[in-house]
Amino acid sequence: MSKVLTSPVKKWPGTITIPDYLTIPQAMAWEEAFDNARSLLPECEPFKTGEKLTVKQIETINDQTSSKWANAILPGILACVESWNLEGFDPNKFPATPKTSRVILITWILGEITKLYNEAEEVPNE
């Protein structure tokens, strides 16, 4: 089973699909990309908890985020998203512009994958 998520980005309406759990190769790709991106932008920590970012946080990230950071996190995103059904969007040509839309898209996906990655293990019969 997979999770279908609706895009919050007006530029790219539609859905993405992520798995119910990450495989070891997906988790490894996620960890490496996350570490690479974090080293480029240590101030950008809000998505660690999977929380929805505020407009102010998005603006701050937008001001600080470079294409180099986006490129560092992209392999982890691509490894974890099963399908892309966003209008006018091609993940093989991941758009750099418009920058604000790109930042909102990436931070939203980061939040969703981070929630999946950090999900607490269920303890049966408790």
C-alpha atoms as a PDB file:
ATOM      1  CA  MET A   1       0.000   0.000   0.000  1.00  0.00           C
ATOM      2  CA  SER A   2       1.185   3.524  -0.721  1.00  0.00           C
ATOM      3  CA  LYS A   3       0.233   7.023   0.380  1.00  0.00           C
ATOM      4  CA  VAL A   4      -1.140   9.451  -2.208  1.00  0.00           C
ATOM      5  CA  LEU A   5      -0.452  13.038  -1.166  1.00  0.00           C
ATOM      6  CA  THR A   6      -1.943  16.195  -2.645  1.00  0.00           C
ATOM      7  CA  SER A   7       0.472  18.936  -3.652  1.00  0.00           C
ATOM      8  CA  PRO A   8       0.170  22.254  -1.822  1.00  0.00           C
ATOM      9  CA  VAL A   9       1.937  24.029  -4.688  1.00  0.00           C
ATOM     10  CA  LYS A  10      -0.310  26.094  -6.962  1.00  0.00           C
ATOM     11  CA  LYS A  11       2.251  25.918  -9.785  1.00  0.00           C
ATOM     12  CA  TRP A  12       2.177  22.090  -9.763  1.00  0.00           C
ATOM     13  CA  PRO A  13      -1.245  20.816  -8.669  1.00  0.00           C
ATOM     14  CA  GLY A  14      -1.809  17.089  -8.434  1.00  0.00           C
ATOM     15  CA  THR A  15      -0.425  14.264  -6.334  1.00  0.00           C
ATOM     16  CA  ILE A  16       2.686  12.308  -5.510  1.00  0.00           C
ATOM     17  CA  THR A  17       2.792   8.792  -4.142  1.00  0.00           C
ATOM     18  CA  ILE A  18       5.180   7.676  -1.433  1.00  0.00           C
ATOM     19  CA  PRO A  19       5.510   4.180   0.050  1.00  0.00           C
ATOM     20  CA  ASP A  20       4.102   3.097   3.395  1.00  0.00           C
ATOM     21  CA  TYR A  21       7.661   2.326   4.473  1.00  0.00           C
ATOM     22  CA  LEU A  22      11.135   2.912   3.070  1.00  0.00           C
ATOM     23  CA  THR A  23      13.283   0.078   1.822  1.00  0.00           C
ATOM     24  CA  ILE A  24      16.890  -0.031   2.993  1.00  0.00           C
ATOM     25  CA  PRO A  25      18.168   1.412  -0.336  1.00  0.00           C
ATOM     26  CA  GLN A  26      15.582   4.215  -0.100  1.00  0.00           C
ATOM     27  CA  ALA A  27      16.543   4.942   3.516  1.00  0.00           C
ATOM     28  CA  MET A  28      20.227   4.982   2.577  1.00  0.00           C
ATOM     29  CA  ALA A  29      19.567   7.391  -0.306  1.00  0.00           C
ATOM     30  CA  TRP A  30      17.451   9.561   2.008  1.00  0.00           C
ATOM     31  CA  GLU A  31      20.095   9.631   4.767  1.00  0.00           C
ATOM     32  CA  GLU A  32      22.901  10.505   2.367  1.00  0.00           C
ATOM     33  CA  ALA A  33      20.933  13.229   0.602  1.00  0.00           C
ATOM     34  CA  PHE A  34      19.671  14.671   3.894  1.00  0.00           C
ATOM     35  CA  ASP A  35      23.202  14.770   5.356  1.00  0.00           C
ATOM     36  CA  ASN A  36      24.592  16.377   2.187  1.00  0.00           C
ATOM     37  CA  ALA A  37      21.852  18.992   2.114  1.00  0.00           C
ATOM     38  CA  ARG A  38      22.096  19.717   5.841  1.00  0.00           C
ATOM     39  CA  SER A  39      25.822  20.343   5.526  1.00  0.00           C
ATOM     40  CA  LEU A  40      25.094  22.957   2.862  1.00  0.00           C
ATOM     41  CA  LEU A  41      22.321  24.661   4.820  1.00  0.00           C
ATOM     42  CA  PRO A  42      22.586  24.012   8.564  1.00  0.00           C
ATOM     43  CA  GLU A  43      20.092  26.782   9.352  1.00  0.00           C
ATOM     44  CA  CYS A  44      17.313  24.892   7.571  1.00  0.00           C
ATOM     45  CA  GLU A  45      16.173  22.502  10.293  1.00  0.00           C
ATOM     46  CA  PRO A  46      12.338  22.911  10.406  1.00  0.00           C
ATOM     47  CA  PHE A  47      11.667  19.935   8.152  1.00  0.00           C
ATOM     48  CA  LYS A  48      13.474  17.534  10.514  1.00  0.00           C
ATOM     49  CA  THR A  49      10.289  17.063  12.492  1.00  0.00           C
ATOM     50  CA  GLY A  50       8.026  16.803   9.456  1.00  0.00           C
ATOM     51  CA  GLU A  51       6.113  19.898  10.534  1.00  0.00           C
ATOM     52  CA  LYS A  52       4.359  22.053   7.981  1.00  0.00           C
ATOM     53  CA  LEU A  53       6.476  25.122   7.326  1.00  0.00           C
ATOM     54  CA  THR A  54       5.124  28.603   7.914  1.00  0.00           C
ATOM     55  CA  VAL A  55       5.224  31.238   5.184  1.00  0.00           C
ATOM     56  CA  LYS A  56       7.990  33.011   7.140  1.00  0.00           C
ATOM     57  CA  GLN A  57      10.070  29.822   7.277  1.00  0.00           C
ATOM     58  CA  ILE A  58       9.551  29.258   3.557  1.00  0.00           C
ATOM     59  CA  GLU A  59      10.644  32.817   2.820  1.00  0.00           C
ATOM     60  CA  THR A  60      13.747  32.341   4.991  1.00  0.00           C
ATOM     61  CA  ILE A  61      14.579  29.060   3.299  1.00  0.00           C
ATOM     62  CA  ASN A  62      13.908  30.625  -0.093  1.00  0.00           C
ATOM     63  CA  ASP A  63      16.379  33.406   0.715  1.00  0.00           C
ATOM     64  CA  GLN A  64      18.996  30.910   1.888  1.00  0.00           C
ATOM     65  CA  THR A  65      18.364  28.027  -0.473  1.00  0.00           C
ATOM     66  CA  SER A  66      20.587  27.620  -3.439  1.00  0.00           C
ATOM     67  CA  SER A  67      20.261  25.298  -6.384  1.00  0.00           C
ATOM     68  CA  LYS A  68      23.251  23.473  -4.921  1.00  0.00           C
ATOM     69  CA  TRP A  69      21.198  22.622  -1.804  1.00  0.00           C
ATOM     70  CA  ALA A  70      18.217  21.518  -3.889  1.00  0.00           C
ATOM     71  CA  ASN A  71      20.506  19.354  -6.009  1.00  0.00           C
ATOM     72  CA  ALA A  72      21.941  17.727  -2.862  1.00  0.00           C
ATOM     73  CA  ILE A  73      18.524  16.741  -1.478  1.00  0.00           C
ATOM     74  CA  LEU A  74      17.041  15.702  -4.830  1.00  0.00           C
ATOM     75  CA  PRO A  75      18.478  12.125  -4.975  1.00  0.00           C
ATOM     76  CA  GLY A  76      16.793  11.321  -1.661  1.00  0.00           C
ATOM     77  CA  ILE A  77      13.481  12.704  -2.855  1.00  0.00           C
ATOM     78  CA  LEU A  78      13.639  10.875  -6.183  1.00  0.00           C
ATOM     79  CA  ALA A  79      14.516   7.604  -4.430  1.00  0.00           C
ATOM     80  CA  CYS A  80      11.487   7.831  -2.137  1.00  0.00           C
ATOM     81  CA  VAL A  81       8.693   9.172  -4.365  1.00  0.00           C
ATOM     82  CA  GLU A  82       7.030   6.273  -6.179  1.00  0.00           C
ATOM     83  CA  SER A  83       5.053   8.326  -8.685  1.00  0.00           C
ATOM     84  CA  TRP A  84       4.604  11.923  -9.743  1.00  0.00           C
ATOM     85  CA  ASN A  85       1.240  13.135 -10.965  1.00  0.00           C
ATOM     86  CA  LEU A  86       1.805  16.873 -10.876  1.00  0.00           C
ATOM     87  CA  GLU A  87       0.443  19.034 -13.676  1.00  0.00           C
ATOM     88  CA  GLY A  88       3.200  20.423 -15.911  1.00  0.00           C
ATOM     89  CA  PHE A  89       5.933  18.721 -13.892  1.00  0.00           C
ATOM     90  CA  ASP A  90       8.647  16.293 -14.990  1.00  0.00           C
ATOM     91  CA  PRO A  91      10.782  14.881 -12.146  1.00  0.00           C
ATOM     92  CA  ASN A  92      13.474  13.939 -14.688  1.00  0.00           C
ATOM     93  CA  LYS A  93      13.830  17.652 -15.395  1.00  0.00           C
ATOM     94  CA  PHE A  94      13.228  18.847 -11.841  1.00  0.00           C
ATOM     95  CA  PRO A  95      12.479  22.562 -12.163  1.00  0.00           C
ATOM     96  CA  ALA A  96      14.660  25.175 -10.507  1.00  0.00           C
ATOM     97  CA  THR A  97      12.198  27.957 -11.215  1.00  0.00           C
ATOM     98  CA  PRO A  98      10.016  29.503 -10.082  1.00  0.00           C
ATOM     99  CA  LYS A  99      12.201  29.357  -6.999  1.00  0.00           C
ATOM    100  CA  THR A 100       9.477  29.880  -4.388  1.00  0.00           C
ATOM    101  CA  SER A 101       7.354  27.099  -5.882  1.00  0.00           C
ATOM    102  CA  ARG A 102      10.399  24.816  -5.967  1.00  0.00           C
ATOM    103  CA  VAL A 103      11.165  25.537  -2.302  1.00  0.00           C
ATOM    104  CA  ILE A 104       7.562  24.898  -1.249  1.00  0.00           C
ATOM    105  CA  LEU A 105       7.479  21.637  -3.232  1.00  0.00           C
ATOM    106  CA  ILE A 106      10.792  20.369  -1.900  1.00  0.00           C
ATOM    107  CA  THR A 107      10.097  21.305   1.722  1.00  0.00           C
ATOM    108  CA  TRP A 108       6.640  19.714   1.556  1.00  0.00           C
ATOM    109  CA  ILE A 109       8.070  16.465   0.172  1.00  0.00           C
ATOM    110  CA  LEU A 110      10.907  16.624   2.718  1.00  0.00           C
ATOM    111  CA  GLY A 111       8.368  16.905   5.509  1.00  0.00           C
ATOM    112  CA  GLU A 112       6.349  13.943   4.256  1.00  0.00           C
ATOM    113  CA  ILE A 113       9.369  11.691   3.778  1.00  0.00           C
ATOM    114  CA  THR A 114      10.834  12.787   7.110  1.00  0.00           C
ATOM    115  CA  LYS A 115       7.586  11.818   8.856  1.00  0.00           C
ATOM    116  CA  LEU A 116       7.778   8.426   7.144  1.00  0.00           C
ATOM    117  CA  TYR A 117      11.466   7.991   7.996  1.00  0.00           C
ATOM    118  CA  ASN A 118      11.009   9.005  11.652  1.00  0.00           C
ATOM    119  CA  GLU A 119       7.755   7.109  12.148  1.00  0.00           C
ATOM    120  CA  ALA A 120       7.618   5.424  15.540  1.00  0.00           C
ATOM    121  CA  GLU A 121       7.492   1.690  15.440  1.00  0.00           C
ATOM    122  CA  GLU A 122       4.141   0.248  16.375  1.00  0.00           C
ATOM    123  CA  VAL A 123       4.112  -1.952  19.419  1.00  0.00           C
ATOM    124  CA  PRO A 124       1.493  -4.698  19.020  1.00  0.00           C
ATOM    125  CA  ASN A 125      -1.102  -5.297  21.759  1.00  0.00           C
ATOM    126  CA  GLU A 126      -0.189  -2.324  23.916  1.00  0.00           C
END
